Amino acid sequence: MNHINYFKNYLVKDNNLTSDNLGFLRGNMFEDLYKPYKNYQIKEVTITNEKDKLLYEISMYAFIMNDLALYLDTHPNDANVLEKFVEAKMRYCNLVNEYEKKYNALTLTSDSLNTTPWKWLNNWPNGVYN
């Protein structure tokens, strides 16, 4: 499928983007473009602790940024979607910073990896590297 042509004649109307969580669960932020696969039923995720909640939200905002970036590649002047993209990017960065302060490095760009000894393996599950 040619993704550029997929969005070619599509413009986001006001409030045409779905909620962050629903878009993440569906795998599509665009209300008019979502087509369920066969009899697929969306399943809510059960989050049991703060660490898992942060990881879920980080994944959600990473998805939102990627989905909106694909649209913005073909519609660079859509200010509403660009605003939503910037909000998602700020939220993503804040969540990554919060996670890394509380737990451990999440990405190789983490500031916590700038020290000796190198801390990438510090908080791995028991038995993996210790």
C-alpha atoms as a PDB file:
ATOM      1  CA  MET A   1       0.000   0.000   0.000  1.00  0.00           C
ATOM      2  CA  ASN A   2       1.265   3.462  -0.862  1.00  0.00           C
ATOM      3  CA  HIS A   3       0.997   5.340   2.435  1.00  0.00           C
ATOM      4  CA  ILE A   4       1.442   8.752   0.860  1.00  0.00           C
ATOM      5  CA  ASN A   5      -1.589   8.217  -1.351  1.00  0.00           C
ATOM      6  CA  TYR A   6      -3.537   6.814   1.605  1.00  0.00           C
ATOM      7  CA  PHE A   7      -3.649  10.255   3.243  1.00  0.00           C
ATOM      8  CA  LYS A   8      -3.528  12.259   0.009  1.00  0.00           C
ATOM      9  CA  ASN A   9      -7.159  13.393  -0.047  1.00  0.00           C
ATOM     10  CA  TYR A  10      -7.779  13.057   3.674  1.00  0.00           C
ATOM     11  CA  LEU A  11      -7.950  16.095   5.940  1.00  0.00           C
ATOM     12  CA  VAL A  12      -8.566  15.932   9.672  1.00  0.00           C
ATOM     13  CA  LYS A  13     -11.724  17.755  10.644  1.00  0.00           C
ATOM     14  CA  ASP A  14     -12.224  19.318  14.059  1.00  0.00           C
ATOM     15  CA  ASN A  15     -12.394  16.659  16.757  1.00  0.00           C
ATOM     16  CA  ASN A  16     -11.727  13.893  14.223  1.00  0.00           C
ATOM     17  CA  LEU A  17      -8.882  12.503  16.312  1.00  0.00           C
ATOM     18  CA  THR A  18      -9.899   9.888  18.828  1.00  0.00           C
ATOM     19  CA  SER A  19      -8.830   9.883  22.484  1.00  0.00           C
ATOM     20  CA  ASP A  20      -5.207   9.014  23.250  1.00  0.00           C
ATOM     21  CA  ASN A  21      -5.959   5.682  24.904  1.00  0.00           C
ATOM     22  CA  LEU A  22      -8.563   4.530  22.371  1.00  0.00           C
ATOM     23  CA  GLY A  23      -6.310   5.476  19.452  1.00  0.00           C
ATOM     24  CA  PHE A  24      -3.446   3.520  21.029  1.00  0.00           C
ATOM     25  CA  LEU A  25      -5.601   0.441  21.626  1.00  0.00           C
ATOM     26  CA  ARG A  26      -7.001   0.596  18.087  1.00  0.00           C
ATOM     27  CA  GLY A  27      -3.673   1.384  16.479  1.00  0.00           C
ATOM     28  CA  ASN A  28      -5.158   4.411  14.710  1.00  0.00           C
ATOM     29  CA  MET A  29      -5.636   7.965  15.973  1.00  0.00           C
ATOM     30  CA  PHE A  30      -7.988   8.929  13.134  1.00  0.00           C
ATOM     31  CA  GLU A  31     -11.668   8.306  13.831  1.00  0.00           C
ATOM     32  CA  ASP A  32     -12.716   8.258  10.156  1.00  0.00           C
ATOM     33  CA  LEU A  33      -9.899   5.946   9.083  1.00  0.00           C
ATOM     34  CA  TYR A  34     -10.348   3.241  11.703  1.00  0.00           C
ATOM     35  CA  LYS A  35     -11.692   0.005  10.302  1.00  0.00           C
ATOM     36  CA  PRO A  36     -11.879  -2.919  12.730  1.00  0.00           C
ATOM     37  CA  TYR A  37     -10.276  -6.147  11.608  1.00  0.00           C
ATOM     38  CA  LYS A  38     -12.917  -8.874  11.244  1.00  0.00           C
ATOM     39  CA  ASN A  39     -14.443  -9.431  14.694  1.00  0.00           C
ATOM     40  CA  TYR A  40     -11.569  -7.907  16.686  1.00  0.00           C
ATOM     41  CA  GLN A  41     -12.637  -6.610  20.068  1.00  0.00           C
ATOM     42  CA  ILE A  42     -10.499  -4.031  21.858  1.00  0.00           C
ATOM     43  CA  LYS A  43      -9.312  -5.285  25.221  1.00  0.00           C
ATOM     44  CA  GLU A  44      -8.609  -2.844  28.024  1.00  0.00           C
ATOM     45  CA  VAL A  45      -5.197  -3.204  29.625  1.00  0.00           C
ATOM     46  CA  THR A  46      -5.043  -3.916  33.353  1.00  0.00           C
ATOM     47  CA  ILE A  47      -2.249  -1.966  34.997  1.00  0.00           C
ATOM     48  CA  THR A  48      -1.274  -3.100  38.478  1.00  0.00           C
ATOM     49  CA  ASN A  49       1.501  -0.728  39.532  1.00  0.00           C
ATOM     50  CA  GLU A  50       3.030   2.682  38.904  1.00  0.00           C
ATOM     51  CA  LYS A  51       5.988   1.376  36.905  1.00  0.00           C
ATOM     52  CA  ASP A  52       3.710  -0.474  34.469  1.00  0.00           C
ATOM     53  CA  LYS A  53       1.475   2.605  34.210  1.00  0.00           C
ATOM     54  CA  LEU A  54       4.445   4.759  33.209  1.00  0.00           C
ATOM     55  CA  LEU A  55       5.627   2.195  30.642  1.00  0.00           C
ATOM     56  CA  TYR A  56       2.111   1.959  29.187  1.00  0.00           C
ATOM     57  CA  GLU A  57       1.802   5.728  28.868  1.00  0.00           C
ATOM     58  CA  ILE A  58       5.291   6.034  27.344  1.00  0.00           C
ATOM     59  CA  SER A  59       4.325   3.425  24.733  1.00  0.00           C
ATOM     60  CA  MET A  60       1.023   5.192  24.091  1.00  0.00           C
ATOM     61  CA  TYR A  61       2.586   8.600  23.461  1.00  0.00           C
ATOM     62  CA  ALA A  62       5.346   7.087  21.313  1.00  0.00           C
ATOM     63  CA  PHE A  63       2.626   5.514  19.152  1.00  0.00           C
ATOM     64  CA  ILE A  64       0.652   8.776  18.973  1.00  0.00           C
ATOM     65  CA  MET A  65       3.735  10.713  17.833  1.00  0.00           C
ATOM     66  CA  ASN A  66       4.467   8.156  15.095  1.00  0.00           C
ATOM     67  CA  ASP A  67       0.887   7.973  13.855  1.00  0.00           C
ATOM     68  CA  LEU A  68       0.519  11.753  13.710  1.00  0.00           C
ATOM     69  CA  ALA A  69       3.954  12.141  12.091  1.00  0.00           C
ATOM     70  CA  LEU A  70       2.844   9.920   9.203  1.00  0.00           C
ATOM     71  CA  TYR A  71      -0.125  12.216   8.624  1.00  0.00           C
ATOM     72  CA  LEU A  72       1.990  15.375   8.986  1.00  0.00           C
ATOM     73  CA  ASP A  73       4.399  14.060   6.327  1.00  0.00           C
ATOM     74  CA  THR A  74       1.629  14.589   3.773  1.00  0.00           C
ATOM     75  CA  HIS A  75      -0.187  17.481   5.499  1.00  0.00           C
ATOM     76  CA  PRO A  76       2.550  19.702   6.976  1.00  0.00           C
ATOM     77  CA  ASN A  77       0.241  22.719   7.266  1.00  0.00           C
ATOM     78  CA  ASP A  78      -2.384  21.065   9.479  1.00  0.00           C
ATOM     79  CA  ALA A  79      -1.956  23.173  12.629  1.00  0.00           C
ATOM     80  CA  ASN A  80      -4.449  21.154  14.706  1.00  0.00           C
ATOM     81  CA  VAL A  81      -2.631  17.865  14.188  1.00  0.00           C
ATOM     82  CA  LEU A  82       0.735  19.543  14.651  1.00  0.00           C
ATOM     83  CA  GLU A  83      -0.468  20.923  17.984  1.00  0.00           C
ATOM     84  CA  LYS A  84      -1.571  17.435  19.049  1.00  0.00           C
ATOM     85  CA  PHE A  85       1.815  16.047  17.946  1.00  0.00           C
ATOM     86  CA  VAL A  86       3.699  18.639  20.022  1.00  0.00           C
ATOM     87  CA  GLU A  87       1.517  17.853  23.065  1.00  0.00           C
ATOM     88  CA  ALA A  88       2.205  14.123  22.665  1.00  0.00           C
ATOM     89  CA  LYS A  89       5.943  14.752  22.281  1.00  0.00           C
ATOM     90  CA  MET A  90       6.085  16.878  25.439  1.00  0.00           C
ATOM     91  CA  ARG A  91       4.083  14.302  27.374  1.00  0.00           C
ATOM     92  CA  TYR A  92       6.338  11.496  26.104  1.00  0.00           C
ATOM     93  CA  CYS A  93       9.527  13.318  27.118  1.00  0.00           C
ATOM     94  CA  ASN A  94       8.133  14.131  30.566  1.00  0.00           C
ATOM     95  CA  LEU A  95       7.071  10.530  31.135  1.00  0.00           C
ATOM     96  CA  VAL A  96      10.463   9.153  30.054  1.00  0.00           C
ATOM     97  CA  ASN A  97      12.204  11.576  32.417  1.00  0.00           C
ATOM     98  CA  GLU A  98       9.866  10.600  35.264  1.00  0.00           C
ATOM     99  CA  TYR A  99      10.402   6.884  34.615  1.00  0.00           C
ATOM    100  CA  GLU A 100      14.179   7.217  34.463  1.00  0.00           C
ATOM    101  CA  LYS A 101      14.330   9.211  37.702  1.00  0.00           C
ATOM    102  CA  LYS A 102      12.262   6.594  39.548  1.00  0.00           C
ATOM    103  CA  TYR A 103      13.506   3.370  38.012  1.00  0.00           C
ATOM    104  CA  ASN A 104      16.334   3.116  35.497  1.00  0.00           C
ATOM    105  CA  ALA A 105      17.501   4.120  32.044  1.00  0.00           C
ATOM    106  CA  LEU A 106      14.896   3.440  29.411  1.00  0.00           C
ATOM    107  CA  THR A 107      16.797   4.527  26.322  1.00  0.00           C
ATOM    108  CA  LEU A 108      20.429   4.812  25.340  1.00  0.00           C
ATOM    109  CA  THR A 109      20.034   8.612  25.339  1.00  0.00           C
ATOM    110  CA  SER A 110      19.333   8.650  29.077  1.00  0.00           C
ATOM    111  CA  ASP A 111      21.425  11.089  31.138  1.00  0.00           C
ATOM    112  CA  SER A 112      21.817   8.393  33.786  1.00  0.00           C
ATOM    113  CA  LEU A 113      24.147   6.551  31.405  1.00  0.00           C
ATOM    114  CA  ASN A 114      26.710   9.379  31.469  1.00  0.00           C
ATOM    115  CA  THR A 115      28.371   8.146  34.661  1.00  0.00           C
ATOM    116  CA  THR A 116      30.840   5.484  35.653  1.00  0.00           C
ATOM    117  CA  PRO A 117      30.166   2.711  36.327  1.00  0.00           C
ATOM    118  CA  TRP A 118      27.839   2.438  33.389  1.00  0.00           C
ATOM    119  CA  LYS A 119      24.338   1.930  34.810  1.00  0.00           C
ATOM    120  CA  TRP A 120      22.424   0.251  31.986  1.00  0.00           C
ATOM    121  CA  LEU A 121      22.266  -3.109  33.760  1.00  0.00           C
ATOM    122  CA  ASN A 122      21.669  -1.848  37.335  1.00  0.00           C
ATOM    123  CA  ASN A 123      17.939  -2.529  37.581  1.00  0.00           C
ATOM    124  CA  TRP A 124      17.490  -5.589  35.421  1.00  0.00           C
ATOM    125  CA  PRO A 125      15.409  -8.389  36.906  1.00  0.00           C
ATOM    126  CA  ASN A 126      17.258 -10.689  39.310  1.00  0.00           C
ATOM    127  CA  GLY A 127      19.149 -13.483  37.634  1.00  0.00           C
ATOM    128  CA  VAL A 128      19.508 -11.788  34.254  1.00  0.00           C
ATOM    129  CA  TYR A 129      22.920 -10.211  34.831  1.00  0.00           C
ATOM    130  CA  ASN A 130      23.599 -10.693  38.539  1.00  0.00           C
END
